[in-house]
Amino acid sequence: MLFNQKIIHFVSTLHNYFTLEVLETQYKKLLEKLEKIEYLDDLIEIHKQFVDAVIDQSLLNQENSSLYKKILEIFELIFRFKTSQV
């Protein structure tokens, strides 16, 4: 039960980070920038910046590839643990 609670805590913390710290923060910044847009090129650039920031902070860029791989390994272990509990 303790290990199960640790798994739930890890997954919840990671989910909260991606939702609150990455997506919500970047979305607020995007909305602020959208109010100042004059040209279509500005919109394209702002969207590109938004996508790049989300990718960087979501650990999906090249710089964070080792951390991303470790997280995938952790999820694989979690999945194996959970399927063995059934």
Protein backbone atom coordinates (compact mmCIF):
# COMPACT_ATOMS: atom_id res chain seq x y z
CA MET A 1 0.00 0.00 0.00
CA LEU A 2 2.83 2.38 0.83
CA PHE A 3 4.48 1.82 -2.55
CA ASN A 4 1.14 2.31 -4.26
CA GLN A 5 0.70 5.63 -2.47
CA LYS A 6 4.20 6.69 -3.56
CA ILE A 7 3.31 5.87 -7.16
CA ILE A 8 0.12 7.90 -6.95
CA HIS A 9 2.02 10.80 -5.41
CA PHE A 10 4.68 10.71 -8.15
CA VAL A 11 2.16 10.59 -10.98
CA SER A 12 0.00 13.31 -9.40
CA THR A 13 2.99 15.57 -8.87
CA LEU A 14 4.16 15.11 -12.44
CA HIS A 15 0.65 15.72 -13.75
CA ASN A 16 0.29 18.87 -11.66
CA TYR A 17 3.64 20.16 -12.90
CA PHE A 18 2.68 19.70 -16.55
CA THR A 19 -0.79 21.10 -16.05
CA LEU A 20 -0.16 24.03 -13.73
CA GLU A 21 3.46 24.99 -14.19
CA VAL A 22 3.82 24.34 -17.90
CA LEU A 23 0.52 24.50 -19.76
CA GLU A 24 -1.40 26.98 -17.64
CA THR A 25 1.53 29.37 -17.26
CA GLN A 26 2.40 29.31 -20.94
CA TYR A 27 -1.25 29.64 -21.93
CA LYS A 28 -1.62 32.78 -19.80
CA LYS A 29 1.46 34.24 -21.46
CA LEU A 30 0.03 33.32 -24.85
CA LEU A 31 -3.24 35.09 -24.10
CA GLU A 32 -1.40 38.22 -22.99
CA LYS A 33 0.61 38.27 -26.21
CA LEU A 34 -2.49 37.64 -28.35
CA GLU A 35 -3.96 40.95 -27.25
CA LYS A 36 -1.01 42.80 -28.82
CA ILE A 37 -1.06 41.08 -32.21
CA GLU A 38 -1.28 43.24 -35.31
CA TYR A 39 -0.21 40.90 -38.11
CA LEU A 40 -0.55 37.25 -39.00
CA ASP A 41 3.22 36.86 -38.84
CA ASP A 42 3.07 37.97 -35.20
CA LEU A 43 0.48 35.29 -34.47
CA ILE A 44 2.61 32.62 -36.12
CA GLU A 45 5.69 33.69 -34.14
CA ILE A 46 3.79 33.81 -30.84
CA HIS A 47 2.37 30.34 -31.46
CA LYS A 48 5.84 29.01 -32.28
CA GLN A 49 7.19 30.51 -29.05
CA PHE A 50 4.31 28.93 -27.11
CA VAL A 51 4.92 25.48 -28.58
CA ASP A 52 8.69 25.74 -28.04
CA ALA A 53 8.23 26.79 -24.41
CA VAL A 54 5.80 23.94 -23.71
CA ILE A 55 8.16 21.42 -25.32
CA ASP A 56 11.13 22.74 -23.35
CA GLN A 57 9.35 22.76 -20.00
CA SER A 58 7.68 19.39 -20.64
CA LEU A 59 11.10 17.75 -20.88
CA LEU A 60 10.55 16.85 -24.53
CA ASN A 61 13.50 18.71 -25.98
CA GLN A 62 16.91 17.32 -26.80
CA GLU A 63 18.53 18.81 -23.68
CA ASN A 64 16.21 16.84 -21.40
CA SER A 65 16.22 13.58 -23.33
CA SER A 66 17.99 11.63 -20.58
CA LEU A 67 15.53 12.84 -17.95
CA TYR A 68 12.63 12.06 -20.29
CA LYS A 69 13.99 8.52 -20.78
CA LYS A 70 14.26 8.06 -17.01
CA ILE A 71 10.66 9.13 -16.56
CA LEU A 72 9.58 6.65 -19.24
CA GLU A 73 11.49 3.92 -17.40
CA ILE A 74 9.72 4.86 -14.18
CA PHE A 75 6.35 4.69 -15.92
CA GLU A 76 7.24 1.29 -17.35
CA LEU A 77 8.04 0.05 -13.85
CA ILE A 78 4.80 1.54 -12.53
CA PHE A 79 2.85 -0.16 -15.29
CA ARG A 80 4.50 -3.51 -14.60
CA PHE A 81 3.83 -3.14 -10.88
CA LYS A 82 0.20 -2.23 -11.40
CA THR A 83 -0.44 -5.11 -13.83
CA SER A 84 1.15 -7.56 -11.39
CA GLN A 85 -1.29 -6.39 -8.69
CA VAL A 86 -4.37 -7.47 -10.62
